[in-house]
């Protein structure tokens, strides 16, 4: 299964393995959606449409200024399109004047699911475009609101560790059918990148370093848009250290049928590989490309302060059923509420 990965070298960086396992021709994200109760994991937009309606309300009441003839609404990594569907359905119903100005752009690199996304959003097809990359979007000078849910935790990353003041990256090595991890001294380019962002490193604590992917996305966004608000929802913390967890092994892990492990080298192509986002690092990258952080909240704080309770369907309140229990997970501190964070950026207008 890993023959293509090791066809040029017996050792490869862990980042190459992640790219291969998730994004290669047979990779995890090249297949259909795994985000379901019967899949590998569940995300907030699938728990309740109220999540997307709350985002739409935030967009309408606190972001949009209605200054231009066209307003772009962009989502990165939309999965099957259900989040965007709940957002634009709400806008169409509650603010038809804004809806008339909307153009809807979804950026989904898995072209195999573009048709499914288009079908789900068929009621908005005159306004809809689906792109594989940000570079496919024409340059926009109008107001733009971009959002993403569990997008940055899906990007490729290096695994690093400092031992006796020497920085190492994790490589994987193949011997016959066995795969093992080995530490290789980091190259000068990686060391310079780590020095550039000037976060602290604690010896013997593994950390994830997705910097090249972060820089690529914020650079591309800065070139495509002149008036842009960005809303990111992901799990993780802010930290002055590159590691954002007290676990010395780092935060990267696998999700397979709702079970969490560090068994990276089984179920390849059939399991997600992810990690906690360090929002301090994300903010530093955004700042490099002209973005200003304007807010940081736990998911429960963001949703409650933007009146998510107003969007609970009345039948859900009347029935103490599974739907209501699922909804509570969005704001419960022991579920999604505190583990997930919202961070907001604004691109300094050019």
C-alpha atoms as a PDB file:
ATOM      1  CA  UNK A   1       0.000   0.000   0.000  1.00  0.00           C
ATOM      2  CA  UNK A   2       2.862   2.406   0.737  1.00  0.00           C
ATOM      3  CA  UNK A   3       4.938   1.428  -2.282  1.00  0.00           C
ATOM      4  CA  UNK A   4       4.379   4.743  -4.075  1.00  0.00           C
ATOM      5  CA  UNK A   5       5.421   6.703  -0.999  1.00  0.00           C
ATOM      6  CA  UNK A   6       8.743   4.915  -0.643  1.00  0.00           C
ATOM      7  CA  UNK A   7       9.630   4.531  -4.315  1.00  0.00           C
ATOM      8  CA  UNK A   8      12.450   7.101  -4.091  1.00  0.00           C
ATOM      9  CA  UNK A   9      13.647   6.768  -0.526  1.00  0.00           C
ATOM     10  CA  UNK A  10      13.462   4.335   2.356  1.00  0.00           C
ATOM     11  CA  UNK A  11      12.796   7.242   4.747  1.00  0.00           C
ATOM     12  CA  UNK A  12      10.279  10.034   4.218  1.00  0.00           C
ATOM     13  CA  UNK A  13       9.076  12.918   6.434  1.00  0.00           C
ATOM     14  CA  UNK A  14       5.884  12.327   8.383  1.00  0.00           C
ATOM     15  CA  UNK A  15       4.360  15.228   6.427  1.00  0.00           C
ATOM     16  CA  UNK A  16       4.814  13.273   3.183  1.00  0.00           C
ATOM     17  CA  UNK A  17       3.019  10.342   4.760  1.00  0.00           C
ATOM     18  CA  UNK A  18       0.110  12.569   5.850  1.00  0.00           C
ATOM     19  CA  UNK A  19      -0.185  14.036   2.341  1.00  0.00           C
ATOM     20  CA  UNK A  20      -0.110  10.540   0.860  1.00  0.00           C
ATOM     21  CA  UNK A  21      -2.642   9.090   3.313  1.00  0.00           C
ATOM     22  CA  UNK A  22      -5.102  11.987   3.045  1.00  0.00           C
ATOM     23  CA  UNK A  23      -4.669  13.626  -0.353  1.00  0.00           C
ATOM     24  CA  UNK A  24      -3.146  11.177  -2.832  1.00  0.00           C
ATOM     25  CA  UNK A  25      -5.258   9.521  -5.530  1.00  0.00           C
ATOM     26  CA  UNK A  26      -6.663   6.955  -3.080  1.00  0.00           C
ATOM     27  CA  UNK A  27      -6.419   9.234  -0.041  1.00  0.00           C
ATOM     28  CA  UNK A  28      -8.962   9.654   2.714  1.00  0.00           C
ATOM     29  CA  UNK A  29     -10.166  13.052   1.495  1.00  0.00           C
ATOM     30  CA  UNK A  30     -10.456  11.884  -2.110  1.00  0.00           C
ATOM     31  CA  UNK A  31     -13.327   9.608  -1.182  1.00  0.00           C
ATOM     32  CA  UNK A  32     -16.890  10.438  -0.216  1.00  0.00           C
ATOM     33  CA  UNK A  33     -17.804  12.089   3.045  1.00  0.00           C
ATOM     34  CA  UNK A  34     -16.752  10.347   6.278  1.00  0.00           C
ATOM     35  CA  UNK A  35     -18.460  12.945   8.458  1.00  0.00           C
ATOM     36  CA  UNK A  36     -21.518  11.146   9.781  1.00  0.00           C
ATOM     37  CA  UNK A  37     -22.829   9.424  12.880  1.00  0.00           C
ATOM     38  CA  UNK A  38     -22.057   6.184  11.079  1.00  0.00           C
ATOM     39  CA  UNK A  39     -18.762   7.500   9.695  1.00  0.00           C
ATOM     40  CA  UNK A  40     -15.507   8.360  11.422  1.00  0.00           C
ATOM     41  CA  UNK A  41     -16.386  11.583  13.241  1.00  0.00           C
ATOM     42  CA  UNK A  42     -19.072  14.226  13.568  1.00  0.00           C
ATOM     43  CA  UNK A  43     -18.794  18.006  13.183  1.00  0.00           C
ATOM     44  CA  UNK A  44     -20.920  20.856  14.529  1.00  0.00           C
ATOM     45  CA  UNK A  45     -22.721  21.686  11.233  1.00  0.00           C
ATOM     46  CA  UNK A  46     -24.080  18.144  11.105  1.00  0.00           C
ATOM     47  CA  UNK A  47     -25.344  18.229  14.683  1.00  0.00           C
ATOM     48  CA  UNK A  48     -27.883  20.962  13.934  1.00  0.00           C
ATOM     49  CA  UNK A  49     -28.723  23.496  11.226  1.00  0.00           C
ATOM     50  CA  UNK A  50     -28.857  26.020  14.072  1.00  0.00           C
ATOM     51  CA  UNK A  51     -25.051  26.121  13.919  1.00  0.00           C
ATOM     52  CA  UNK A  52     -25.093  27.427  10.343  1.00  0.00           C
ATOM     53  CA  UNK A  53     -28.009  29.746  11.036  1.00  0.00           C
ATOM     54  CA  UNK A  54     -26.064  31.301  13.904  1.00  0.00           C
ATOM     55  CA  UNK A  55     -23.106  31.898  11.573  1.00  0.00           C
ATOM     56  CA  UNK A  56     -25.480  33.508   9.076  1.00  0.00           C
ATOM     57  CA  UNK A  57     -26.906  35.775  11.782  1.00  0.00           C
ATOM     58  CA  UNK A  58     -23.384  36.813  12.814  1.00  0.00           C
ATOM     59  CA  UNK A  59     -22.565  37.574   9.196  1.00  0.00           C
ATOM     60  CA  UNK A  60     -25.695  39.704   8.744  1.00  0.00           C
ATOM     61  CA  UNK A  61     -25.596  41.625  12.025  1.00  0.00           C
ATOM     62  CA  UNK A  62     -21.904  42.077  12.782  1.00  0.00           C
ATOM     63  CA  UNK A  63     -19.915  41.767   9.557  1.00  0.00           C
ATOM     64  CA  UNK A  64     -21.707  42.848   6.425  1.00  0.00           C
ATOM     65  CA  UNK A  65     -21.838  46.597   5.733  1.00  0.00           C
ATOM     66  CA  UNK A  66     -23.872  46.373   2.526  1.00  0.00           C
ATOM     67  CA  UNK A  67     -21.516  48.785   0.789  1.00  0.00           C
ATOM     68  CA  UNK A  68     -21.127  47.028  -2.548  1.00  0.00           C
ATOM     69  CA  UNK A  69     -23.373  45.713  -5.289  1.00  0.00           C
ATOM     70  CA  UNK A  70     -22.009  42.203  -4.844  1.00  0.00           C
ATOM     71  CA  UNK A  71     -21.190  40.258  -1.684  1.00  0.00           C
ATOM     72  CA  UNK A  72     -19.108  37.100  -1.809  1.00  0.00           C
ATOM     73  CA  UNK A  73     -19.718  34.258   0.620  1.00  0.00           C
ATOM     74  CA  UNK A  74     -16.872  31.723   0.613  1.00  0.00           C
ATOM     75  CA  UNK A  75     -16.398  28.421   2.429  1.00  0.00           C
ATOM     76  CA  UNK A  76     -13.167  26.424   2.558  1.00  0.00           C
ATOM     77  CA  UNK A  77     -13.470  22.645   2.798  1.00  0.00           C
ATOM     78  CA  UNK A  78     -17.288  22.437   2.726  1.00  0.00           C
ATOM     79  CA  UNK A  79     -17.497  18.632   2.861  1.00  0.00           C
ATOM     80  CA  UNK A  80     -20.947  17.896   1.362  1.00  0.00           C
ATOM     81  CA  UNK A  81     -22.151  21.508   1.499  1.00  0.00           C
ATOM     82  CA  UNK A  82     -24.591  21.239   4.392  1.00  0.00           C
ATOM     83  CA  UNK A  83     -23.086  24.124   6.347  1.00  0.00           C
ATOM     84  CA  UNK A  84     -23.258  26.507   3.409  1.00  0.00           C
ATOM     85  CA  UNK A  85     -26.802  25.314   2.716  1.00  0.00           C
ATOM     86  CA  UNK A  86     -27.986  26.237   6.217  1.00  0.00           C
ATOM     87  CA  UNK A  87     -26.188  29.616   6.017  1.00  0.00           C
ATOM     88  CA  UNK A  88     -27.608  30.750   2.673  1.00  0.00           C
ATOM     89  CA  UNK A  89     -31.085  29.332   3.317  1.00  0.00           C
ATOM     90  CA  UNK A  90     -31.257  31.522   6.416  1.00  0.00           C
ATOM     91  CA  UNK A  91     -29.978  34.603   4.576  1.00  0.00           C
ATOM     92  CA  UNK A  92     -32.485  34.100   1.778  1.00  0.00           C
ATOM     93  CA  UNK A  93     -35.344  33.884   4.287  1.00  0.00           C
ATOM     94  CA  UNK A  94     -34.353  36.648   6.691  1.00  0.00           C
ATOM     95  CA  UNK A  95     -32.455  39.149   4.507  1.00  0.00           C
ATOM     96  CA  UNK A  96     -33.630  38.854   0.883  1.00  0.00           C
ATOM     97  CA  UNK A  97     -31.977  42.178  -0.013  1.00  0.00           C
ATOM     98  CA  UNK A  98     -28.588  40.764   0.988  1.00  0.00           C
ATOM     99  CA  UNK A  99     -29.326  37.432  -0.665  1.00  0.00           C
ATOM    100  CA  UNK A 100     -29.914  39.199  -3.989  1.00  0.00           C
ATOM    101  CA  UNK A 101     -26.331  40.478  -3.876  1.00  0.00           C
ATOM    102  CA  UNK A 102     -24.737  37.165  -2.894  1.00  0.00           C
ATOM    103  CA  UNK A 103     -22.367  35.049  -4.893  1.00  0.00           C
ATOM    104  CA  UNK A 104     -21.644  31.704  -3.233  1.00  0.00           C
ATOM    105  CA  UNK A 105     -18.192  30.167  -3.617  1.00  0.00           C
ATOM    106  CA  UNK A 106     -17.143  26.804  -2.216  1.00  0.00           C
ATOM    107  CA  UNK A 107     -13.520  25.691  -2.336  1.00  0.00           C
ATOM    108  CA  UNK A 108     -13.337  21.897  -2.216  1.00  0.00           C
ATOM    109  CA  UNK A 109     -10.270  20.118  -3.549  1.00  0.00           C
ATOM    110  CA  UNK A 110     -12.082  16.780  -3.795  1.00  0.00           C
ATOM    111  CA  UNK A 111     -13.657  17.179  -7.215  1.00  0.00           C
ATOM    112  CA  UNK A 112     -15.394  13.815  -6.783  1.00  0.00           C
ATOM    113  CA  UNK A 113     -17.975  15.431  -4.479  1.00  0.00           C
ATOM    114  CA  UNK A 114     -18.542  18.661  -6.418  1.00  0.00           C
ATOM    115  CA  UNK A 115     -21.683  17.234  -8.037  1.00  0.00           C
ATOM    116  CA  UNK A 116     -23.144  16.252  -4.664  1.00  0.00           C
ATOM    117  CA  UNK A 117     -22.474  19.755  -3.313  1.00  0.00           C
ATOM    118  CA  UNK A 118     -24.152  21.317  -6.356  1.00  0.00           C
ATOM    119  CA  UNK A 119     -27.195  19.084  -5.904  1.00  0.00           C
ATOM    120  CA  UNK A 120     -27.556  20.027  -2.245  1.00  0.00           C
ATOM    121  CA  UNK A 121     -27.341  23.732  -3.117  1.00  0.00           C
ATOM    122  CA  UNK A 122     -29.443  23.486  -6.271  1.00  0.00           C
ATOM    123  CA  UNK A 123     -31.898  26.082  -4.923  1.00  0.00           C
ATOM    124  CA  UNK A 124     -29.064  28.611  -5.186  1.00  0.00           C
ATOM    125  CA  UNK A 125     -27.477  27.354  -8.412  1.00  0.00           C
ATOM    126  CA  UNK A 126     -27.603  30.742 -10.176  1.00  0.00           C
ATOM    127  CA  UNK A 127     -25.325  32.145  -7.476  1.00  0.00           C
ATOM    128  CA  UNK A 128     -23.128  29.091  -6.963  1.00  0.00           C
ATOM    129  CA  UNK A 129     -19.606  28.236  -8.052  1.00  0.00           C
ATOM    130  CA  UNK A 130     -17.454  25.369  -6.802  1.00  0.00           C
ATOM    131  CA  UNK A 131     -13.671  25.557  -7.129  1.00  0.00           C
ATOM    132  CA  UNK A 132     -10.910  23.079  -6.397  1.00  0.00           C
ATOM    133  CA  UNK A 133      -8.465  25.742  -5.149  1.00  0.00           C
ATOM    134  CA  UNK A 134      -8.423  29.385  -4.098  1.00  0.00           C
ATOM    135  CA  UNK A 135      -6.346  30.188  -7.176  1.00  0.00           C
ATOM    136  CA  UNK A 136      -9.392  29.297  -9.315  1.00  0.00           C
ATOM    137  CA  UNK A 137     -11.310  32.262  -7.862  1.00  0.00           C
ATOM    138  CA  UNK A 138     -11.267  35.528  -9.767  1.00  0.00           C
ATOM    139  CA  UNK A 139      -9.868  38.488  -7.844  1.00  0.00           C
ATOM    140  CA  UNK A 140     -12.582  40.150  -5.742  1.00  0.00           C
ATOM    141  CA  UNK A 141     -12.810  43.840  -4.837  1.00  0.00           C
ATOM    142  CA  UNK A 142     -16.227  43.588  -3.160  1.00  0.00           C
ATOM    143  CA  UNK A 143     -17.105  42.687   0.427  1.00  0.00           C
ATOM    144  CA  UNK A 144     -16.313  39.062   1.198  1.00  0.00           C
ATOM    145  CA  UNK A 145     -17.063  36.859   4.177  1.00  0.00           C
ATOM    146  CA  UNK A 146     -15.135  33.563   4.362  1.00  0.00           C
ATOM    147  CA  UNK A 147     -15.689  30.796   6.872  1.00  0.00           C
ATOM    148  CA  UNK A 148     -14.442  27.272   7.491  1.00  0.00           C
ATOM    149  CA  UNK A 149     -15.205  24.501   9.942  1.00  0.00           C
ATOM    150  CA  UNK A 150     -12.467  22.019  10.876  1.00  0.00           C
ATOM    151  CA  UNK A 151     -10.391  23.010   7.858  1.00  0.00           C
ATOM    152  CA  UNK A 152      -6.979  23.910   9.246  1.00  0.00           C
ATOM    153  CA  UNK A 153      -6.749  20.752  11.361  1.00  0.00           C
ATOM    154  CA  UNK A 154      -6.894  18.766   8.116  1.00  0.00           C
ATOM    155  CA  UNK A 155      -3.800  20.318   6.545  1.00  0.00           C
ATOM    156  CA  UNK A 156      -0.462  18.558   6.203  1.00  0.00           C
ATOM    157  CA  UNK A 157       2.053  19.100   9.010  1.00  0.00           C
ATOM    158  CA  UNK A 158       5.522  18.162  10.202  1.00  0.00           C
ATOM    159  CA  UNK A 159       6.031  16.526  13.571  1.00  0.00           C
ATOM    160  CA  UNK A 160       8.938  18.052  15.473  1.00  0.00           C
ATOM    161  CA  UNK A 161      10.712  17.634  18.798  1.00  0.00           C
ATOM    162  CA  UNK A 162      13.623  19.369  20.540  1.00  0.00           C
ATOM    163  CA  UNK A 163      16.109  17.054  22.266  1.00  0.00           C
ATOM    164  CA  UNK A 164      19.274  18.336  23.962  1.00  0.00           C
ATOM    165  CA  UNK A 165      18.813  21.629  22.125  1.00  0.00           C
ATOM    166  CA  UNK A 166      18.703  19.947  18.700  1.00  0.00           C
ATOM    167  CA  UNK A 167      15.552  20.159  16.611  1.00  0.00           C
ATOM    168  CA  UNK A 168      14.383  16.950  14.952  1.00  0.00           C
ATOM    169  CA  UNK A 169      11.560  16.050  12.605  1.00  0.00           C
ATOM    170  CA  UNK A 170       9.821  12.698  12.553  1.00  0.00           C
ATOM    171  CA  UNK A 171      10.471  10.544   9.511  1.00  0.00           C
ATOM    172  CA  UNK A 172       9.005   7.155   8.806  1.00  0.00           C
ATOM    173  CA  UNK A 173      11.099   4.244   7.611  1.00  0.00           C
ATOM    174  CA  UNK A 174       9.979   1.073   5.830  1.00  0.00           C
ATOM    175  CA  UNK A 175      11.721  -2.243   6.395  1.00  0.00           C
ATOM    176  CA  UNK A 176       9.969  -4.961   4.414  1.00  0.00           C
ATOM    177  CA  UNK A 177       6.385  -4.762   5.753  1.00  0.00           C
ATOM    178  CA  UNK A 178       7.244  -2.894   8.940  1.00  0.00           C
ATOM    179  CA  UNK A 179       7.006   0.877   9.398  1.00  0.00           C
ATOM    180  CA  UNK A 180       8.874   2.649  12.166  1.00  0.00           C
ATOM    181  CA  UNK A 181       9.418   6.274  13.172  1.00  0.00           C
ATOM    182  CA  UNK A 182      12.907   7.775  13.262  1.00  0.00           C
ATOM    183  CA  UNK A 183      14.163  11.235  14.208  1.00  0.00           C
ATOM    184  CA  UNK A 184      16.153  13.238  11.651  1.00  0.00           C
ATOM    185  CA  UNK A 185      17.849  16.575  12.349  1.00  0.00           C
ATOM    186  CA  UNK A 186      15.750  19.407  10.979  1.00  0.00           C
ATOM    187  CA  UNK A 187      17.106  21.263   7.975  1.00  0.00           C
ATOM    188  CA  UNK A 188      18.073  24.921   8.002  1.00  0.00           C
ATOM    189  CA  UNK A 189      14.914  26.063   6.187  1.00  0.00           C
ATOM    190  CA  UNK A 190      12.638  24.522   8.808  1.00  0.00           C
ATOM    191  CA  UNK A 191      14.747  25.916  11.649  1.00  0.00           C
ATOM    192  CA  UNK A 192      14.517  29.400  10.114  1.00  0.00           C
ATOM    193  CA  UNK A 193      10.738  29.090   9.868  1.00  0.00           C
ATOM    194  CA  UNK A 194      10.467  28.134  13.519  1.00  0.00           C
ATOM    195  CA  UNK A 195      12.738  31.037  14.500  1.00  0.00           C
ATOM    196  CA  UNK A 196      10.617  33.409  12.407  1.00  0.00           C
ATOM    197  CA  UNK A 197       7.495  32.738  14.485  1.00  0.00           C
ATOM    198  CA  UNK A 198       9.376  32.922  17.775  1.00  0.00           C
ATOM    199  CA  UNK A 199       7.191  30.687  19.919  1.00  0.00           C
ATOM    200  CA  UNK A 200       8.757  28.741  22.742  1.00  0.00           C
ATOM    201  CA  UNK A 201       9.850  25.111  22.543  1.00  0.00           C
ATOM    202  CA  UNK A 202       9.960  22.754  25.491  1.00  0.00           C
ATOM    203  CA  UNK A 203      12.439  19.882  25.305  1.00  0.00           C
ATOM    204  CA  UNK A 204      11.028  16.414  24.665  1.00  0.00           C
ATOM    205  CA  UNK A 205       7.561  17.709  23.744  1.00  0.00           C
ATOM    206  CA  UNK A 206       6.472  16.742  20.231  1.00  0.00           C
ATOM    207  CA  UNK A 207       4.607  19.424  18.311  1.00  0.00           C
ATOM    208  CA  UNK A 208       2.880  19.757  14.963  1.00  0.00           C
ATOM    209  CA  UNK A 209       4.155  22.385  12.522  1.00  0.00           C
ATOM    210  CA  UNK A 210       1.815  23.027   9.554  1.00  0.00           C
ATOM    211  CA  UNK A 211       3.391  26.350   8.686  1.00  0.00           C
ATOM    212  CA  UNK A 212       3.853  25.922   4.934  1.00  0.00           C
ATOM    213  CA  UNK A 213       0.171  25.096   4.502  1.00  0.00           C
ATOM    214  CA  UNK A 214      -0.943  27.999   6.704  1.00  0.00           C
ATOM    215  CA  UNK A 215       1.253  30.412   4.784  1.00  0.00           C
ATOM    216  CA  UNK A 216       0.006  29.137   1.438  1.00  0.00           C
ATOM    217  CA  UNK A 217      -3.639  29.732   2.294  1.00  0.00           C
ATOM    218  CA  UNK A 218      -3.264  33.154   3.881  1.00  0.00           C
ATOM    219  CA  UNK A 219      -1.000  34.306   1.047  1.00  0.00           C
ATOM    220  CA  UNK A 220      -3.546  33.196  -1.558  1.00  0.00           C
ATOM    221  CA  UNK A 221      -6.408  34.835   0.318  1.00  0.00           C
ATOM    222  CA  UNK A 222      -4.491  38.105   0.596  1.00  0.00           C
ATOM    223  CA  UNK A 223      -3.978  38.142  -3.167  1.00  0.00           C
ATOM    224  CA  UNK A 224      -7.551  37.265  -4.130  1.00  0.00           C
ATOM    225  CA  UNK A 225      -9.560  39.567  -1.854  1.00  0.00           C
ATOM    226  CA  UNK A 226      -9.348  43.230  -0.923  1.00  0.00           C
ATOM    227  CA  UNK A 227     -12.111  43.371   1.710  1.00  0.00           C
ATOM    228  CA  UNK A 228     -12.269  40.110   3.618  1.00  0.00           C
ATOM    229  CA  UNK A 229     -13.542  38.851   6.972  1.00  0.00           C
ATOM    230  CA  UNK A 230     -12.503  35.320   7.959  1.00  0.00           C
ATOM    231  CA  UNK A 231     -14.220  33.135  10.557  1.00  0.00           C
ATOM    232  CA  UNK A 232     -12.376  29.936  11.520  1.00  0.00           C
ATOM    233  CA  UNK A 233     -13.814  27.227  13.757  1.00  0.00           C
ATOM    234  CA  UNK A 234     -11.515  24.408  14.838  1.00  0.00           C
ATOM    235  CA  UNK A 235     -10.353  22.511  17.883  1.00  0.00           C
ATOM    236  CA  UNK A 236      -7.232  23.607  19.725  1.00  0.00           C
ATOM    237  CA  UNK A 237      -5.869  26.317  21.992  1.00  0.00           C
ATOM    238  CA  UNK A 238      -3.752  29.452  21.984  1.00  0.00           C
ATOM    239  CA  UNK A 239      -0.253  28.794  23.259  1.00  0.00           C
ATOM    240  CA  UNK A 240       3.034  30.656  23.548  1.00  0.00           C
ATOM    241  CA  UNK A 241       4.683  27.298  22.867  1.00  0.00           C
ATOM    242  CA  UNK A 242       4.656  25.451  19.572  1.00  0.00           C
ATOM    243  CA  UNK A 243       3.055  22.553  21.427  1.00  0.00           C
ATOM    244  CA  UNK A 244      -0.451  23.380  22.593  1.00  0.00           C
ATOM    245  CA  UNK A 245      -1.106  20.404  24.848  1.00  0.00           C
ATOM    246  CA  UNK A 246       0.375  18.981  28.070  1.00  0.00           C
ATOM    247  CA  UNK A 247       0.752  15.647  26.262  1.00  0.00           C
ATOM    248  CA  UNK A 248       4.480  15.211  25.445  1.00  0.00           C
ATOM    249  CA  UNK A 249       3.550  13.032  22.459  1.00  0.00           C
ATOM    250  CA  UNK A 250       1.781  15.935  20.758  1.00  0.00           C
ATOM    251  CA  UNK A 251      -1.814  16.165  19.616  1.00  0.00           C
ATOM    252  CA  UNK A 252      -1.805  14.365  16.246  1.00  0.00           C
ATOM    253  CA  UNK A 253      -4.108  11.385  16.157  1.00  0.00           C
ATOM    254  CA  UNK A 254      -6.389   9.294  13.962  1.00  0.00           C
ATOM    255  CA  UNK A 255     -10.158   9.070  13.784  1.00  0.00           C
ATOM    256  CA  UNK A 256     -11.551   5.763  12.572  1.00  0.00           C
ATOM    257  CA  UNK A 257     -15.217   4.875  13.100  1.00  0.00           C
ATOM    258  CA  UNK A 258     -15.456   7.347  15.991  1.00  0.00           C
ATOM    259  CA  UNK A 259     -12.457   5.800  17.739  1.00  0.00           C
ATOM    260  CA  UNK A 260      -9.338   7.857  18.455  1.00  0.00           C
ATOM    261  CA  UNK A 261      -5.826   6.392  18.336  1.00  0.00           C
ATOM    262  CA  UNK A 262      -2.238   7.020  17.286  1.00  0.00           C
ATOM    263  CA  UNK A 263      -2.244   3.963  15.058  1.00  0.00           C
ATOM    264  CA  UNK A 264      -1.201   5.966  11.994  1.00  0.00           C
ATOM    265  CA  UNK A 265       0.029   3.085   9.881  1.00  0.00           C
ATOM    266  CA  UNK A 266      -3.044   0.863   9.855  1.00  0.00           C
ATOM    267  CA  UNK A 267      -6.280   1.671   8.055  1.00  0.00           C
ATOM    268  CA  UNK A 268      -4.311   3.938   5.711  1.00  0.00           C
ATOM    269  CA  UNK A 269      -6.679   5.791   3.335  1.00  0.00           C
ATOM    270  CA  UNK A 270      -9.603   4.835   5.585  1.00  0.00           C
ATOM    271  CA  UNK A 271      -8.958   7.049   8.615  1.00  0.00           C
ATOM    272  CA  UNK A 272      -8.492  10.740   9.276  1.00  0.00           C
ATOM    273  CA  UNK A 273      -5.175  12.090  10.584  1.00  0.00           C
ATOM    274  CA  UNK A 274      -5.533  15.363  12.463  1.00  0.00           C
ATOM    275  CA  UNK A 275      -4.111  17.532  15.241  1.00  0.00           C
ATOM    276  CA  UNK A 276      -5.043  20.464  17.501  1.00  0.00           C
ATOM    277  CA  UNK A 277      -4.670  23.912  15.959  1.00  0.00           C
ATOM    278  CA  UNK A 278      -2.412  26.334  17.827  1.00  0.00           C
ATOM    279  CA  UNK A 279      -4.425  29.512  17.256  1.00  0.00           C
ATOM    280  CA  UNK A 280      -1.536  31.716  18.330  1.00  0.00           C
ATOM    281  CA  UNK A 281       0.558  30.339  15.471  1.00  0.00           C
ATOM    282  CA  UNK A 282      -2.378  30.678  13.076  1.00  0.00           C
ATOM    283  CA  UNK A 283      -2.777  34.320  14.114  1.00  0.00           C
ATOM    284  CA  UNK A 284       0.919  35.042  13.604  1.00  0.00           C
ATOM    285  CA  UNK A 285       0.752  33.637  10.077  1.00  0.00           C
ATOM    286  CA  UNK A 286      -2.374  35.646   9.313  1.00  0.00           C
ATOM    287  CA  UNK A 287      -0.680  38.828  10.545  1.00  0.00           C
ATOM    288  CA  UNK A 288       2.274  38.183   8.217  1.00  0.00           C
ATOM    289  CA  UNK A 289      -0.082  38.459   5.242  1.00  0.00           C
ATOM    290  CA  UNK A 290      -1.964  41.561   6.342  1.00  0.00           C
ATOM    291  CA  UNK A 291      -4.748  40.079   8.478  1.00  0.00           C
ATOM    292  CA  UNK A 292      -5.688  41.428  11.896  1.00  0.00           C
ATOM    293  CA  UNK A 293      -7.159  39.189  14.583  1.00  0.00           C
ATOM    294  CA  UNK A 294     -10.418  40.757  15.772  1.00  0.00           C
ATOM    295  CA  UNK A 295     -11.850  38.061  18.044  1.00  0.00           C
ATOM    296  CA  UNK A 296     -11.167  34.739  19.757  1.00  0.00           C
ATOM    297  CA  UNK A 297     -13.856  32.735  21.561  1.00  0.00           C
ATOM    298  CA  UNK A 298     -14.729  29.278  22.740  1.00  0.00           C
ATOM    299  CA  UNK A 299     -17.457  27.740  20.610  1.00  0.00           C
ATOM    300  CA  UNK A 300     -19.971  27.971  23.447  1.00  0.00           C
ATOM    301  CA  UNK A 301     -19.219  31.689  23.989  1.00  0.00           C
ATOM    302  CA  UNK A 302     -19.439  32.495  20.285  1.00  0.00           C
ATOM    303  CA  UNK A 303     -22.673  30.613  19.666  1.00  0.00           C
ATOM    304  CA  UNK A 304     -24.432  31.815  22.804  1.00  0.00           C
ATOM    305  CA  UNK A 305     -23.376  35.441  22.304  1.00  0.00           C
ATOM    306  CA  UNK A 306     -24.754  35.212  18.773  1.00  0.00           C
ATOM    307  CA  UNK A 307     -28.100  33.906  20.030  1.00  0.00           C
ATOM    308  CA  UNK A 308     -28.012  30.285  18.914  1.00  0.00           C
ATOM    309  CA  UNK A 309     -30.859  29.550  21.326  1.00  0.00           C
ATOM    310  CA  UNK A 310     -33.124  31.584  19.050  1.00  0.00           C
ATOM    311  CA  UNK A 311     -32.567  28.999  16.331  1.00  0.00           C
ATOM    312  CA  UNK A 312     -33.622  25.882  18.235  1.00  0.00           C
ATOM    313  CA  UNK A 313     -36.626  24.418  16.389  1.00  0.00           C
ATOM    314  CA  UNK A 314     -39.720  24.488  18.618  1.00  0.00           C
ATOM    315  CA  UNK A 315     -40.382  20.779  18.113  1.00  0.00           C
ATOM    316  CA  UNK A 316     -36.905  20.061  19.445  1.00  0.00           C
ATOM    317  CA  UNK A 317     -37.675  21.919  22.682  1.00  0.00           C
ATOM    318  CA  UNK A 318     -40.982  20.113  23.110  1.00  0.00           C
ATOM    319  CA  UNK A 319     -39.347  16.724  22.617  1.00  0.00           C
ATOM    320  CA  UNK A 320     -36.569  15.719  24.994  1.00  0.00           C
ATOM    321  CA  UNK A 321     -35.136  13.511  22.297  1.00  0.00           C
ATOM    322  CA  UNK A 322     -31.797  12.671  20.743  1.00  0.00           C
ATOM    323  CA  UNK A 323     -31.916  15.789  18.544  1.00  0.00           C
ATOM    324  CA  UNK A 324     -32.043  18.039  21.590  1.00  0.00           C
ATOM    325  CA  UNK A 325     -29.245  16.114  23.282  1.00  0.00           C
ATOM    326  CA  UNK A 326     -27.148  16.447  20.131  1.00  0.00           C
ATOM    327  CA  UNK A 327     -27.888  20.173  19.977  1.00  0.00           C
ATOM    328  CA  UNK A 328     -26.668  20.639  23.547  1.00  0.00           C
ATOM    329  CA  UNK A 329     -23.302  19.210  22.495  1.00  0.00           C
ATOM    330  CA  UNK A 330     -22.665  22.385  20.499  1.00  0.00           C
ATOM    331  CA  UNK A 331     -22.404  24.498  23.650  1.00  0.00           C
ATOM    332  CA  UNK A 332     -21.665  21.943  26.361  1.00  0.00           C
ATOM    333  CA  UNK A 333     -18.222  22.493  27.962  1.00  0.00           C
ATOM    334  CA  UNK A 334     -17.685  18.736  28.027  1.00  0.00           C
ATOM    335  CA  UNK A 335     -18.453  18.297  24.334  1.00  0.00           C
ATOM    336  CA  UNK A 336     -17.903  20.759  21.458  1.00  0.00           C
ATOM    337  CA  UNK A 337     -18.408  23.917  23.492  1.00  0.00           C
ATOM    338  CA  UNK A 338     -14.943  24.401  25.006  1.00  0.00           C
ATOM    339  CA  UNK A 339     -12.840  22.088  22.863  1.00  0.00           C
ATOM    340  CA  UNK A 340     -13.584  24.098  19.729  1.00  0.00           C
ATOM    341  CA  UNK A 341     -12.659  27.744  19.216  1.00  0.00           C
ATOM    342  CA  UNK A 342     -13.653  30.543  16.873  1.00  0.00           C
ATOM    343  CA  UNK A 343     -11.066  33.026  15.667  1.00  0.00           C
ATOM    344  CA  UNK A 344     -11.909  36.014  13.474  1.00  0.00           C
ATOM    345  CA  UNK A 345      -9.612  37.892  11.112  1.00  0.00           C
ATOM    346  CA  UNK A 346     -10.020  40.966   8.966  1.00  0.00           C
ATOM    347  CA  UNK A 347      -7.816  41.666   6.000  1.00  0.00           C
ATOM    348  CA  UNK A 348      -6.493  45.206   6.141  1.00  0.00           C
ATOM    349  CA  UNK A 349      -8.126  46.900   3.192  1.00  0.00           C
ATOM    350  CA  UNK A 350      -5.799  47.785   0.350  1.00  0.00           C
END
